[in-house]
Amino acid sequence: MIFSDQQFFKGFPRSVFFISYFLIFIFQRRVSFRQENYLNLLKKENGMEKEKTLIVGAGDAGEQILRSIISANSFYLPVGFADDNTAKQGVAIHGLRVLGKIIDIPKIVEENQLKD
């Protein structure tokens, strides 16, 4: 083996290489799957543009709504969240930011051109 004379690898288990290779492979697949889902959000479906949507509530229910939109490949295009929790302001959830509070919805709609 090439590393047999090296002091750097003395006492270093060889199984670490196999375990790290396996973990990198698994995590890389997970990241690419999420990236593929996000890119599917941006595509047009059947030649129709997707309808821009604002999700109200950035908690567990809002996150589930976003996941179902992504997994169902629906005709909605989520642009962000609106939530009154000050700790969530500006935070990104699955790549979408919390754009403001519920009282700011008219401003958010205007800024993101959510109306036709």
N, C-alpha and C. Protein backbone atom coordinates (compact mmCIF):
# COMPACT_ATOMS: atom_id res chain seq x y z
N MET A 1 0.85 -1.18 0.00
CA MET A 1 0.00 0.00 0.00
C MET A 1 0.89 1.24 0.00
N ILE A 2 0.45 2.28 -0.63
CA ILE A 2 1.23 3.50 -0.77
C ILE A 2 1.48 4.17 0.57
N PHE A 3 0.50 4.12 1.47
CA PHE A 3 0.58 4.87 2.71
C PHE A 3 1.28 4.09 3.84
N SER A 4 1.80 2.93 3.59
CA SER A 4 2.35 2.10 4.67
C SER A 4 3.58 2.73 5.33
N ASP A 5 4.36 3.50 4.58
CA ASP A 5 5.56 4.10 5.15
C ASP A 5 5.31 5.48 5.74
N GLN A 6 4.13 6.00 5.57
CA GLN A 6 3.82 7.35 6.04
C GLN A 6 3.45 7.33 7.52
N GLN A 7 4.02 8.24 8.30
CA GLN A 7 3.69 8.35 9.71
C GLN A 7 2.33 9.02 9.91
N PHE A 8 1.87 9.75 8.90
CA PHE A 8 0.61 10.48 9.01
C PHE A 8 -0.57 9.53 9.24
N PHE A 9 -0.54 8.37 8.60
CA PHE A 9 -1.67 7.45 8.69
C PHE A 9 -1.47 6.36 9.74
N LYS A 10 -0.42 6.45 10.52
CA LYS A 10 -0.17 5.45 11.55
C LYS A 10 -1.24 5.58 12.64
N GLY A 11 -1.89 4.49 12.94
CA GLY A 11 -2.95 4.49 13.95
C GLY A 11 -4.27 5.02 13.42
N PHE A 12 -4.35 5.25 12.12
CA PHE A 12 -5.56 5.78 11.48
C PHE A 12 -6.30 4.63 10.82
N PRO A 13 -7.50 4.30 11.24
CA PRO A 13 -8.19 3.14 10.67
C PRO A 13 -8.55 3.35 9.20
N ARG A 14 -8.31 2.34 8.40
CA ARG A 14 -8.59 2.43 6.97
C ARG A 14 -10.08 2.46 6.69
N SER A 15 -10.88 1.99 7.62
CA SER A 15 -12.33 1.98 7.40
C SER A 15 -12.91 3.38 7.30
N VAL A 16 -12.20 4.37 7.82
CA VAL A 16 -12.67 5.75 7.76
C VAL A 16 -12.84 6.20 6.32
N PHE A 17 -11.96 5.76 5.43
CA PHE A 17 -12.07 6.13 4.02
C PHE A 17 -13.36 5.60 3.41
N PHE A 18 -13.69 4.37 3.73
CA PHE A 18 -14.91 3.77 3.17
C PHE A 18 -16.16 4.41 3.77
N ILE A 19 -16.13 4.66 5.06
CA ILE A 19 -17.29 5.28 5.72
C ILE A 19 -17.50 6.69 5.19
N SER A 20 -16.43 7.47 5.06
CA SER A 20 -16.58 8.85 4.57
C SER A 20 -17.05 8.86 3.12
N TYR A 21 -16.55 7.94 2.30
CA TYR A 21 -17.01 7.85 0.92
C TYR A 21 -18.51 7.57 0.87
N PHE A 22 -18.97 6.64 1.69
CA PHE A 22 -20.38 6.28 1.75
C PHE A 22 -21.24 7.47 2.19
N LEU A 23 -20.82 8.17 3.24
CA LEU A 23 -21.58 9.31 3.74
C LEU A 23 -21.61 10.45 2.73
N ILE A 24 -20.51 10.73 2.07
CA ILE A 24 -20.48 11.78 1.05
C ILE A 24 -21.43 11.42 -0.09
N PHE A 25 -21.44 10.16 -0.49
CA PHE A 25 -22.34 9.72 -1.56
C PHE A 25 -23.80 9.93 -1.17
N ILE A 26 -24.17 9.55 0.05
CA ILE A 26 -25.55 9.69 0.51
C ILE A 26 -25.95 11.17 0.58
N PHE A 27 -25.12 12.02 1.18
CA PHE A 27 -25.46 13.44 1.32
C PHE A 27 -25.50 14.15 -0.02
N GLN A 28 -24.64 13.75 -0.94
CA GLN A 28 -24.63 14.36 -2.27
C GLN A 28 -25.94 14.03 -2.99
N ARG A 29 -26.43 12.80 -2.84
CA ARG A 29 -27.70 12.42 -3.47
C ARG A 29 -28.85 13.22 -2.88
N ARG A 30 -28.82 13.44 -1.58
CA ARG A 30 -29.89 14.19 -0.92
C ARG A 30 -29.91 15.63 -1.39
N VAL A 31 -28.75 16.26 -1.51
CA VAL A 31 -28.66 17.64 -1.96
C VAL A 31 -29.11 17.75 -3.41
N SER A 32 -28.69 16.82 -4.25
CA SER A 32 -29.09 16.89 -5.66
C SER A 32 -30.59 16.67 -5.81
N PHE A 33 -31.20 15.83 -4.96
CA PHE A 33 -32.64 15.62 -5.01
C PHE A 33 -33.38 16.91 -4.66
N ARG A 34 -32.93 17.60 -3.61
CA ARG A 34 -33.57 18.86 -3.23
C ARG A 34 -33.38 19.92 -4.32
N GLN A 35 -32.21 19.95 -4.89
CA GLN A 35 -31.93 20.92 -5.94
C GLN A 35 -32.83 20.65 -7.15
N GLU A 36 -33.04 19.39 -7.48
CA GLU A 36 -33.90 19.04 -8.60
C GLU A 36 -35.34 19.47 -8.34
N ASN A 37 -35.81 19.28 -7.10
CA ASN A 37 -37.17 19.71 -6.75
C ASN A 37 -37.31 21.22 -6.85
N TYR A 38 -36.29 21.94 -6.42
CA TYR A 38 -36.35 23.40 -6.48
C TYR A 38 -36.35 23.87 -7.93
N LEU A 39 -35.57 23.24 -8.78
CA LEU A 39 -35.54 23.62 -10.19
C LEU A 39 -36.86 23.29 -10.87
N ASN A 40 -37.53 22.24 -10.45
CA ASN A 40 -38.85 21.92 -11.00
C ASN A 40 -39.87 23.00 -10.67
N LEU A 41 -39.68 23.69 -9.54
CA LEU A 41 -40.57 24.78 -9.18
C LEU A 41 -40.53 25.89 -10.23
N LEU A 42 -39.35 26.13 -10.77
CA LEU A 42 -39.16 27.26 -11.66
C LEU A 42 -39.61 26.98 -13.10
N LYS A 43 -39.80 25.73 -13.43
CA LYS A 43 -40.19 25.38 -14.79
C LYS A 43 -41.66 25.71 -15.04
N LYS A 44 -41.97 25.92 -16.29
CA LYS A 44 -43.36 26.09 -16.69
C LYS A 44 -43.96 24.71 -16.90
N GLU A 45 -45.21 24.56 -16.57
CA GLU A 45 -45.86 23.27 -16.73
C GLU A 45 -46.86 23.35 -17.86
N ASN A 46 -46.73 22.49 -18.84
CA ASN A 46 -47.61 22.42 -20.00
C ASN A 46 -47.71 23.76 -20.72
N GLY A 47 -46.63 24.50 -20.76
CA GLY A 47 -46.61 25.77 -21.47
C GLY A 47 -47.26 26.91 -20.71
N MET A 48 -47.85 26.64 -19.55
CA MET A 48 -48.50 27.68 -18.76
C MET A 48 -47.54 28.16 -17.68
N GLU A 49 -47.58 29.45 -17.44
CA GLU A 49 -46.76 29.97 -16.35
C GLU A 49 -47.40 29.59 -15.03
N LYS A 50 -46.56 29.37 -14.05
CA LYS A 50 -47.06 29.04 -12.73
C LYS A 50 -47.55 30.29 -12.03
N GLU A 51 -48.55 30.13 -11.20
CA GLU A 51 -49.14 31.25 -10.48
C GLU A 51 -48.32 31.55 -9.22
N LYS A 52 -47.84 32.79 -9.12
CA LYS A 52 -47.06 33.18 -7.95
C LYS A 52 -47.95 33.16 -6.71
N THR A 53 -47.40 32.60 -5.63
CA THR A 53 -48.18 32.38 -4.42
C THR A 53 -47.38 32.80 -3.20
N LEU A 54 -48.06 33.44 -2.26
CA LEU A 54 -47.46 33.81 -0.97
C LEU A 54 -48.06 32.88 0.08
N ILE A 55 -47.23 32.23 0.86
CA ILE A 55 -47.69 31.32 1.91
C ILE A 55 -47.75 32.10 3.21
N VAL A 56 -48.92 32.13 3.83
CA VAL A 56 -49.11 32.84 5.10
C VAL A 56 -48.87 31.86 6.23
N GLY A 57 -47.85 32.14 7.03
CA GLY A 57 -47.45 31.27 8.13
C GLY A 57 -46.21 30.50 7.76
N ALA A 58 -45.16 30.69 8.53
CA ALA A 58 -43.89 30.02 8.24
C ALA A 58 -43.58 28.93 9.25
N GLY A 59 -44.60 28.45 9.92
CA GLY A 59 -44.41 27.37 10.89
C GLY A 59 -44.45 26.02 10.21
N ASP A 60 -44.82 25.01 10.98
CA ASP A 60 -44.88 23.65 10.46
C ASP A 60 -45.89 23.51 9.32
N ALA A 61 -47.05 24.15 9.46
CA ALA A 61 -48.08 24.04 8.43
C ALA A 61 -47.62 24.71 7.13
N GLY A 62 -47.00 25.87 7.23
CA GLY A 62 -46.50 26.56 6.04
C GLY A 62 -45.41 25.75 5.35
N GLU A 63 -44.55 25.13 6.13
CA GLU A 63 -43.50 24.29 5.56
C GLU A 63 -44.10 23.07 4.87
N GLN A 64 -45.15 22.48 5.45
CA GLN A 64 -45.80 21.34 4.81
C GLN A 64 -46.47 21.75 3.50
N ILE A 65 -47.05 22.94 3.48
CA ILE A 65 -47.67 23.43 2.24
C ILE A 65 -46.60 23.58 1.17
N LEU A 66 -45.46 24.15 1.52
CA LEU A 66 -44.38 24.31 0.56
C LEU A 66 -43.88 22.94 0.06
N ARG A 67 -43.73 22.00 0.97
CA ARG A 67 -43.29 20.66 0.56
C ARG A 67 -44.28 20.00 -0.38
N SER A 68 -45.57 20.17 -0.12
CA SER A 68 -46.57 19.55 -1.00
C SER A 68 -46.58 20.24 -2.36
N ILE A 69 -46.36 21.55 -2.41
CA ILE A 69 -46.27 22.24 -3.69
C ILE A 69 -45.08 21.73 -4.48
N ILE A 70 -43.95 21.55 -3.81
CA ILE A 70 -42.74 21.08 -4.48
C ILE A 70 -42.92 19.64 -4.96
N SER A 71 -43.42 18.77 -4.09
CA SER A 71 -43.49 17.36 -4.46
C SER A 71 -44.58 17.07 -5.47
N ALA A 72 -45.67 17.84 -5.46
CA ALA A 72 -46.77 17.59 -6.40
C ALA A 72 -46.51 18.24 -7.75
N ASN A 73 -45.47 19.07 -7.84
CA ASN A 73 -45.16 19.77 -9.09
C ASN A 73 -46.39 20.51 -9.58
N SER A 74 -47.04 21.25 -8.67
CA SER A 74 -48.28 21.94 -8.97
C SER A 74 -48.03 23.18 -9.82
N PHE A 75 -49.12 23.86 -10.16
CA PHE A 75 -49.00 25.05 -10.98
C PHE A 75 -48.82 26.31 -10.14
N TYR A 76 -48.49 26.16 -8.86
CA TYR A 76 -48.19 27.29 -7.99
C TYR A 76 -46.68 27.50 -7.91
N LEU A 77 -46.28 28.75 -7.86
CA LEU A 77 -44.87 29.11 -7.69
C LEU A 77 -44.76 29.92 -6.40
N PRO A 78 -44.36 29.29 -5.30
CA PRO A 78 -44.24 30.04 -4.05
C PRO A 78 -43.10 31.05 -4.12
N VAL A 79 -43.38 32.28 -3.69
CA VAL A 79 -42.35 33.32 -3.72
C VAL A 79 -41.82 33.63 -2.33
N GLY A 80 -42.53 33.24 -1.30
CA GLY A 80 -42.07 33.50 0.06
C GLY A 80 -43.16 33.25 1.08
N PHE A 81 -42.84 33.62 2.32
CA PHE A 81 -43.75 33.45 3.44
C PHE A 81 -44.08 34.80 4.05
N ALA A 82 -45.21 34.88 4.72
CA ALA A 82 -45.56 36.01 5.58
C ALA A 82 -45.86 35.42 6.95
N ASP A 83 -45.21 35.97 7.99
CA ASP A 83 -45.39 35.43 9.33
C ASP A 83 -45.19 36.55 10.35
N ASP A 84 -45.98 36.52 11.43
CA ASP A 84 -45.88 37.55 12.46
C ASP A 84 -44.77 37.30 13.47
N ASN A 85 -44.20 36.12 13.49
CA ASN A 85 -43.14 35.79 14.43
C ASN A 85 -41.89 36.60 14.07
N THR A 86 -41.44 37.45 14.97
CA THR A 86 -40.28 38.30 14.68
C THR A 86 -38.99 37.50 14.55
N ALA A 87 -38.92 36.33 15.17
CA ALA A 87 -37.72 35.50 15.07
C ALA A 87 -37.57 34.90 13.67
N LYS A 88 -38.66 34.81 12.93
CA LYS A 88 -38.61 34.21 11.59
C LYS A 88 -38.44 35.24 10.48
N GLN A 89 -38.45 36.51 10.79
CA GLN A 89 -38.33 37.54 9.77
C GLN A 89 -36.97 37.45 9.07
N GLY A 90 -36.99 37.33 7.75
CA GLY A 90 -35.76 37.25 6.96
C GLY A 90 -35.14 35.88 6.90
N VAL A 91 -35.70 34.91 7.60
CA VAL A 91 -35.16 33.55 7.61
C VAL A 91 -35.60 32.83 6.33
N ALA A 92 -34.74 31.98 5.80
CA ALA A 92 -35.08 31.19 4.62
C ALA A 92 -35.52 29.79 5.03
N ILE A 93 -36.64 29.35 4.49
CA ILE A 93 -37.17 28.01 4.75
C ILE A 93 -37.24 27.30 3.41
N HIS A 94 -36.42 26.29 3.23
CA HIS A 94 -36.31 25.56 1.96
C HIS A 94 -36.05 26.51 0.79
N GLY A 95 -35.26 27.52 1.04
CA GLY A 95 -34.88 28.44 -0.02
C GLY A 95 -35.80 29.63 -0.20
N LEU A 96 -36.92 29.68 0.50
CA LEU A 96 -37.84 30.82 0.41
C LEU A 96 -37.75 31.64 1.68
N ARG A 97 -37.71 32.94 1.52
CA ARG A 97 -37.55 33.84 2.66
C ARG A 97 -38.89 34.24 3.25
N VAL A 98 -38.86 34.57 4.53
CA VAL A 98 -40.02 35.18 5.17
C VAL A 98 -39.93 36.66 4.82
N LEU A 99 -40.89 37.13 4.03
CA LEU A 99 -40.81 38.46 3.43
C LEU A 99 -41.35 39.57 4.33
N GLY A 100 -42.11 39.22 5.34
CA GLY A 100 -42.64 40.25 6.23
C GLY A 100 -43.73 39.69 7.12
N LYS A 101 -44.41 40.61 7.80
CA LYS A 101 -45.49 40.23 8.69
C LYS A 101 -46.80 40.15 7.91
N ILE A 102 -47.82 39.61 8.56
CA ILE A 102 -49.12 39.45 7.91
C ILE A 102 -49.72 40.81 7.55
N ILE A 103 -49.47 41.79 8.38
CA ILE A 103 -49.99 43.13 8.09
C ILE A 103 -49.33 43.75 6.86
N ASP A 104 -48.16 43.25 6.49
CA ASP A 104 -47.42 43.75 5.33
C ASP A 104 -47.80 43.05 4.03
N ILE A 105 -48.81 42.19 4.04
CA ILE A 105 -49.16 41.42 2.84
C ILE A 105 -49.47 42.31 1.64
N PRO A 106 -50.23 43.42 1.78
CA PRO A 106 -50.46 44.25 0.59
C PRO A 106 -49.16 44.78 -0.03
N LYS A 107 -48.20 45.16 0.81
CA LYS A 107 -46.91 45.64 0.31
C LYS A 107 -46.13 44.51 -0.36
N ILE A 108 -46.15 43.30 0.24
CA ILE A 108 -45.45 42.15 -0.32
C ILE A 108 -46.05 41.77 -1.67
N VAL A 109 -47.38 41.80 -1.76
CA VAL A 109 -48.05 41.46 -3.01
C VAL A 109 -47.65 42.44 -4.10
N GLU A 110 -47.60 43.70 -3.75
CA GLU A 110 -47.23 44.74 -4.72
C GLU A 110 -45.77 44.61 -5.16
N GLU A 111 -44.87 44.39 -4.22
CA GLU A 111 -43.44 44.27 -4.53
C GLU A 111 -43.12 43.07 -5.39
N ASN A 112 -43.82 41.96 -5.17
CA ASN A 112 -43.52 40.72 -5.89
C ASN A 112 -44.46 40.47 -7.06
N GLN A 113 -45.30 41.46 -7.36
CA GLN A 113 -46.23 41.38 -8.49
C GLN A 113 -47.05 40.10 -8.46
N LEU A 114 -47.71 39.85 -7.35
CA LEU A 114 -48.50 38.64 -7.19
C LEU A 114 -49.88 38.76 -7.81
N LYS A 115 -50.34 39.97 -8.09
CA LYS A 115 -51.64 40.16 -8.72
C LYS A 115 -51.49 40.16 -10.23
N ASP A 116 -52.57 39.81 -10.90
CA ASP A 116 -52.58 39.89 -12.37
C ASP A 116 -52.93 41.29 -12.83
